[in-house]
Amino acid sequence: MTTEGQHYPDRLKRRVHHFRKFKEEGRRIVMVTAHDFPTGLAAELADVDAVLVGDSLGMVALGFDTTLSVTMEMMLHHTAAVRRAVKTAFLIADMPFLSYQVSVEQAVTNAGRLVQEAGAEAVKLEGCREVLPAIERILAAGIPVLGHIGLLPQSVNKLGGYKIRGRKEDDAELLMQEAKLLEQVGVFAIVLEAVIPSVAAEITRQVKIPTIGIGAGPMCDGQVLVMGDVVGLTAATSPKFAKRYANVLKEMTQAVQAYAHEVREGTFPGTEHTY
């Protein structure tokens, strides 16, 4: 599915090769998640570099407590909706829980579906050593892969909760090894989630591919945040590393309250709203 130049011929259509170029030039990479057409459109209009259809949509859009309930069918549905809005940003889809852990063959098939059926341009997998065979095969199929190390939401039960990574020397060294392994296998960038800033900075210095931080300090090559946290789309408290730039839920609530009041008072619809 080609989208180049359909709506924004004056903008750069981001491709996978641009991200290493951005790092070499010292240009910070802007990534944000989206989960439907409106949030994808907001990201596209803002001219971000990359849009991630994150499995965080399970909580932001579907009301689940964790990402573990998100299925492939959900990811296909939401990625396709975002694809219809995103034209120049690079579109990445999360591979949900159990879509790549069962077998390498299943991982390749599911990655292919996200590209072929939903229009993703790359996929993201959590972890390193345990998923390297799947990453290698997905790359061999011609699908770019975004790595993800540090805090791994899909492994929350195994890890015993959401824990900051890199505080101990052995854990910091493990993260460095994982980043280098992912670079060697061929991922185009790596998300560092909830990694202490000094470790994230050192990983960023030592690998040639971009690092995208989320709760990993300011020294990463780029940043990613969940759209709901950026615009205040949920009632939940945002994590410490996030910043709210608006309170969309409050604005929506006030608008609906005003509408409800006018309906009850009989002032809507007025003559200007009637054929």
Protein backbone atom coordinates (compact mmCIF):
# COMPACT_ATOMS: atom_id res chain seq x y z
CA MET A 1 0.00 0.00 0.00
CA THR A 2 1.68 3.23 -1.09
CA THR A 3 0.84 6.49 0.62
CA GLU A 4 3.71 8.67 -0.53
CA GLY A 5 2.62 12.15 -1.53
CA GLN A 6 -1.11 11.49 -1.29
CA HIS A 7 -1.81 14.35 1.11
CA TYR A 8 1.49 16.03 2.03
CA PRO A 9 3.74 16.23 -1.06
CA ASP A 10 5.97 18.79 0.70
CA ARG A 11 6.76 16.44 3.59
CA LEU A 12 9.40 13.74 3.83
CA LYS A 13 7.89 10.28 3.72
CA ARG A 14 9.85 8.52 6.47
CA ARG A 15 11.32 5.20 5.45
CA VAL A 16 13.21 2.65 7.51
CA HIS A 17 16.61 3.95 6.32
CA HIS A 18 15.88 7.46 7.55
CA PHE A 19 16.19 6.52 11.21
CA ARG A 20 19.91 5.71 11.15
CA LYS A 21 20.41 8.84 9.07
CA PHE A 22 18.59 10.90 11.71
CA LYS A 23 20.90 9.51 14.38
CA GLU A 24 24.01 10.27 12.33
CA GLU A 25 22.77 13.84 11.84
CA GLY A 26 21.91 14.27 15.52
CA ARG A 27 18.24 14.79 14.69
CA ARG A 28 15.95 13.67 17.52
CA ILE A 29 13.29 11.16 16.47
CA VAL A 30 9.66 11.76 17.44
CA MET A 31 7.46 8.70 17.88
CA VAL A 32 3.98 8.47 19.37
CA THR A 33 1.46 5.68 19.69
CA ALA A 34 -1.97 5.75 18.05
CA HIS A 35 -4.86 3.33 18.15
CA ASP A 36 -7.52 4.56 15.71
CA PHE A 37 -8.12 6.96 12.82
CA PRO A 38 -8.48 10.15 14.94
CA THR A 39 -5.33 9.54 17.00
CA GLY A 40 -3.45 8.51 13.88
CA LEU A 41 -4.62 11.68 12.15
CA ALA A 42 -3.45 13.84 15.06
CA ALA A 43 -0.02 12.25 14.87
CA GLU A 44 0.11 12.68 11.11
CA LEU A 45 -0.98 16.31 11.21
CA ALA A 46 1.69 16.97 13.84
CA ASP A 47 4.31 15.58 11.40
CA VAL A 48 5.89 13.07 13.77
CA ASP A 49 8.55 10.72 12.42
CA ALA A 50 6.96 7.44 13.43
CA VAL A 51 3.63 6.15 14.68
CA LEU A 52 3.51 2.99 16.76
CA VAL A 53 0.23 1.14 16.97
CA GLY A 54 1.10 -0.09 20.44
CA ASP A 55 -0.56 -2.92 22.29
CA SER A 56 -1.05 -0.24 24.95
CA LEU A 57 -4.31 0.27 23.04
CA GLY A 58 -5.59 -2.56 25.20
CA MET A 59 -5.61 -0.20 28.16
CA VAL A 60 -6.06 3.17 26.42
CA ALA A 61 -8.79 2.19 23.95
CA LEU A 62 -10.22 -1.11 25.19
CA GLY A 63 -10.14 -0.80 28.97
CA PHE A 64 -7.98 -3.80 29.83
CA ASP A 65 -5.71 -3.75 32.87
CA THR A 66 -2.63 -4.93 30.94
CA THR A 67 -1.52 -5.52 27.35
CA LEU A 68 -1.81 -9.29 27.73
CA SER A 69 -5.43 -9.43 26.54
CA VAL A 70 -4.67 -7.83 23.17
CA THR A 71 -4.99 -10.27 20.27
CA MET A 72 -3.72 -10.35 16.70
CA GLU A 73 -7.21 -9.60 15.40
CA MET A 74 -7.35 -6.50 17.58
CA MET A 75 -3.94 -5.35 16.36
CA LEU A 76 -4.92 -5.91 12.73
CA HIS A 77 -8.14 -3.94 13.20
CA HIS A 78 -6.51 -0.99 14.94
CA THR A 79 -3.42 -0.88 12.73
CA ALA A 80 -5.58 -0.74 9.61
CA ALA A 81 -7.54 2.18 11.09
CA VAL A 82 -4.35 4.10 11.89
CA ARG A 83 -2.96 3.29 8.43
CA ARG A 84 -5.87 5.12 6.84
CA ALA A 85 -4.79 8.30 8.63
CA VAL A 86 -1.00 8.03 8.51
CA LYS A 87 0.59 8.98 5.20
CA THR A 88 4.10 10.32 5.80
CA ALA A 89 5.07 9.01 9.25
CA PHE A 90 6.62 5.53 9.42
CA LEU A 91 4.00 3.08 10.70
CA ILE A 92 5.02 0.34 13.14
CA ALA A 93 2.73 -2.27 14.71
CA ASP A 94 3.28 -4.05 17.99
CA MET A 95 3.20 -7.82 17.82
CA PRO A 96 0.88 -8.77 20.69
CA PHE A 97 1.38 -11.40 23.38
CA LEU A 98 1.66 -14.96 21.99
CA SER A 99 1.80 -13.78 18.37
CA TYR A 100 5.55 -14.48 18.14
CA GLN A 101 6.49 -16.55 21.22
CA VAL A 102 4.93 -19.87 20.19
CA SER A 103 7.00 -20.58 17.07
CA VAL A 104 9.19 -18.83 14.54
CA GLU A 105 6.81 -19.80 11.75
CA GLN A 106 3.86 -18.26 13.54
CA ALA A 107 5.88 -15.13 14.24
CA VAL A 108 6.68 -14.66 10.55
CA THR A 109 3.07 -15.31 9.54
CA ASN A 110 1.71 -12.81 12.05
CA ALA A 111 4.27 -10.16 11.15
CA GLY A 112 3.34 -10.66 7.53
CA ARG A 113 -0.35 -10.19 8.32
CA LEU A 114 0.33 -6.87 10.03
CA VAL A 115 2.11 -5.69 6.89
CA GLN A 116 -0.07 -7.30 4.22
CA GLU A 117 -3.52 -6.91 5.79
CA ALA A 118 -3.13 -3.85 8.01
CA GLY A 119 -0.53 -1.76 6.19
CA ALA A 120 2.23 -1.67 8.81
CA GLU A 121 5.72 -0.86 7.53
CA ALA A 122 7.52 -2.56 10.45
CA VAL A 123 6.75 -4.59 13.55
CA LYS A 124 7.97 -4.42 17.15
CA LEU A 125 8.84 -7.40 19.33
CA GLU A 126 9.67 -7.32 23.04
CA GLY A 127 12.80 -9.05 24.34
CA CYS A 128 16.10 -10.23 22.96
CA ARG A 129 17.69 -13.67 23.18
CA GLU A 130 14.44 -15.59 23.43
CA VAL A 131 13.04 -13.90 20.31
CA LEU A 132 16.19 -13.55 18.19
CA PRO A 133 15.27 -16.50 15.92
CA ALA A 134 11.88 -14.91 15.24
CA ILE A 135 13.45 -11.51 14.57
CA GLU A 136 15.94 -13.04 12.14
CA ARG A 137 13.23 -14.81 10.17
CA ILE A 138 10.96 -11.77 10.09
CA LEU A 139 13.85 -9.67 8.78
CA ALA A 140 14.64 -12.39 6.23
CA ALA A 141 11.04 -12.07 5.02
CA GLY A 142 11.71 -8.41 4.26
CA ILE A 143 9.91 -6.88 7.23
CA PRO A 144 11.77 -4.25 9.30
CA VAL A 145 11.85 -4.87 13.05
CA LEU A 146 11.92 -2.44 15.96
CA GLY A 147 13.52 -3.96 19.06
CA HIS A 148 12.33 -3.40 22.63
CA ILE A 149 14.36 -4.03 25.79
CA GLY A 150 14.23 -2.88 29.38
CA LEU A 151 10.82 -3.09 30.99
CA LEU A 152 8.74 -5.55 28.97
CA PRO A 153 4.99 -5.11 29.58
CA GLN A 154 4.15 -8.49 28.01
CA SER A 155 6.39 -10.18 30.61
CA VAL A 156 4.92 -8.34 33.60
CA ASN A 157 3.85 -11.59 35.31
CA LYS A 158 7.24 -13.21 34.80
CA LEU A 159 9.13 -10.15 36.02
CA GLY A 160 6.87 -9.60 39.04
CA GLY A 161 5.61 -6.16 38.05
CA TYR A 162 6.77 -3.03 36.29
CA LYS A 163 10.37 -2.52 37.44
CA ILE A 164 13.03 0.00 36.50
CA ARG A 165 15.95 -1.62 34.68
CA GLY A 166 19.70 -1.03 34.84
CA ARG A 167 20.13 -0.04 38.47
CA LYS A 168 22.44 -2.96 39.21
CA GLU A 169 25.71 -3.37 37.34
CA ASP A 170 24.93 -6.87 36.08
CA ASP A 171 21.53 -5.75 34.78
CA ALA A 172 23.10 -2.74 33.05
CA GLU A 173 25.61 -5.04 31.38
CA LEU A 174 22.82 -7.40 30.31
CA LEU A 175 20.93 -4.54 28.68
CA MET A 176 24.08 -3.46 26.83
CA GLN A 177 24.60 -7.00 25.55
CA GLU A 178 20.99 -7.21 24.41
CA ALA A 179 21.18 -3.88 22.58
CA LYS A 180 24.31 -5.01 20.73
CA LEU A 181 22.76 -8.36 19.85
CA LEU A 182 19.69 -6.65 18.43
CA GLU A 183 21.89 -4.29 16.45
CA GLN A 184 23.90 -7.22 15.07
CA VAL A 185 20.82 -9.14 13.99
CA GLY A 186 19.54 -6.12 12.05
CA VAL A 187 16.77 -4.25 13.88
CA PHE A 188 16.54 -0.66 12.67
CA ALA A 189 16.08 0.88 16.15
CA ILE A 190 15.57 -0.15 19.77
CA VAL A 191 13.00 1.02 22.29
CA LEU A 192 14.51 1.39 25.78
CA GLU A 193 11.71 1.33 28.34
CA ALA A 194 12.16 2.29 31.99
CA VAL A 195 15.96 2.10 31.81
CA ILE A 196 17.92 4.41 34.11
CA PRO A 197 19.23 7.41 32.14
CA SER A 198 22.95 6.71 32.56
CA VAL A 199 22.59 3.19 31.14
CA ALA A 200 20.32 4.37 28.32
CA ALA A 201 22.87 7.07 27.45
CA GLU A 202 25.72 4.55 27.31
CA ILE A 203 23.71 2.16 25.13
CA THR A 204 22.87 5.08 22.84
CA ARG A 205 26.56 5.94 22.59
CA GLN A 206 27.70 2.41 21.82
CA VAL A 207 25.16 1.31 19.19
CA LYS A 208 24.93 2.80 15.71
CA ILE A 209 21.19 2.35 15.38
CA PRO A 210 18.78 4.78 17.09
CA THR A 211 17.49 4.28 20.60
CA ILE A 212 13.94 5.39 21.35
CA GLY A 213 13.37 6.13 25.01
CA ILE A 214 10.26 5.82 27.09
CA GLY A 215 11.10 6.54 30.69
CA ALA A 216 14.79 6.25 29.81
CA GLY A 217 15.95 9.84 30.10
CA PRO A 218 16.83 12.57 27.60
CA MET A 219 19.95 11.09 26.00
CA CYS A 220 18.23 8.57 23.73
CA ASP A 221 18.09 9.36 20.01
CA GLY A 222 14.33 9.77 20.18
CA GLN A 223 11.31 9.48 22.43
CA VAL A 224 8.00 7.64 22.29
CA LEU A 225 4.93 8.29 24.42
CA VAL A 226 1.45 6.82 24.50
CA MET A 227 -1.04 9.15 22.86
CA GLY A 228 -3.39 8.92 25.83
CA ASP A 229 -0.67 10.27 28.10
CA VAL A 230 0.32 13.04 25.67
CA VAL A 231 -3.19 14.45 25.24
CA GLY A 232 -4.85 13.41 28.51
CA LEU A 233 -7.24 10.95 26.94
CA THR A 234 -7.79 8.75 30.01
CA ALA A 235 -8.69 9.27 33.65
CA ALA A 236 -5.75 7.16 34.80
CA THR A 237 -2.74 8.87 36.31
CA SER A 238 0.08 9.17 33.79
CA PRO A 239 3.39 7.47 34.66
CA LYS A 240 6.20 9.64 36.03
CA PHE A 241 8.09 9.71 32.72
CA ALA A 242 5.09 11.01 30.73
CA LYS A 243 3.99 14.61 30.25
CA ARG A 244 0.42 15.68 29.54
CA TYR A 245 0.20 18.44 26.97
CA ALA A 246 -3.60 18.68 27.08
CA ASN A 247 -6.63 17.34 28.93
CA VAL A 248 -8.75 15.97 26.11
CA LEU A 249 -10.92 13.82 28.39
CA LYS A 250 -11.92 16.92 30.38
CA GLU A 251 -12.74 18.84 27.19
CA MET A 252 -14.78 15.94 25.82
CA THR A 253 -16.68 15.56 29.07
CA GLN A 254 -17.51 19.26 29.19
CA ALA A 255 -18.70 19.20 25.58
CA VAL A 256 -20.98 16.20 26.21
CA GLN A 257 -22.31 17.81 29.39
CA ALA A 258 -23.15 20.98 27.43
CA TYR A 259 -24.89 18.92 24.75
CA ALA A 260 -26.85 16.95 27.36
CA HIS A 261 -27.92 20.18 29.08
CA GLU A 262 -29.21 21.70 25.83
CA VAL A 263 -31.12 18.56 24.90
CA ARG A 264 -32.78 18.46 28.33
CA GLU A 265 -33.60 22.16 28.18
CA GLY A 266 -34.96 21.87 24.65
CA THR A 267 -32.50 24.39 23.18
CA PHE A 268 -30.88 21.86 20.89
CA PRO A 269 -31.54 21.44 18.05
CA GLY A 270 -32.21 25.03 17.15
CA THR A 271 -33.57 26.34 13.88
CA GLU A 272 -30.00 26.60 12.52
CA HIS A 273 -29.64 22.85 12.98
CA THR A 274 -32.88 21.93 11.23
CA TYR A 275 -33.37 21.25 7.52
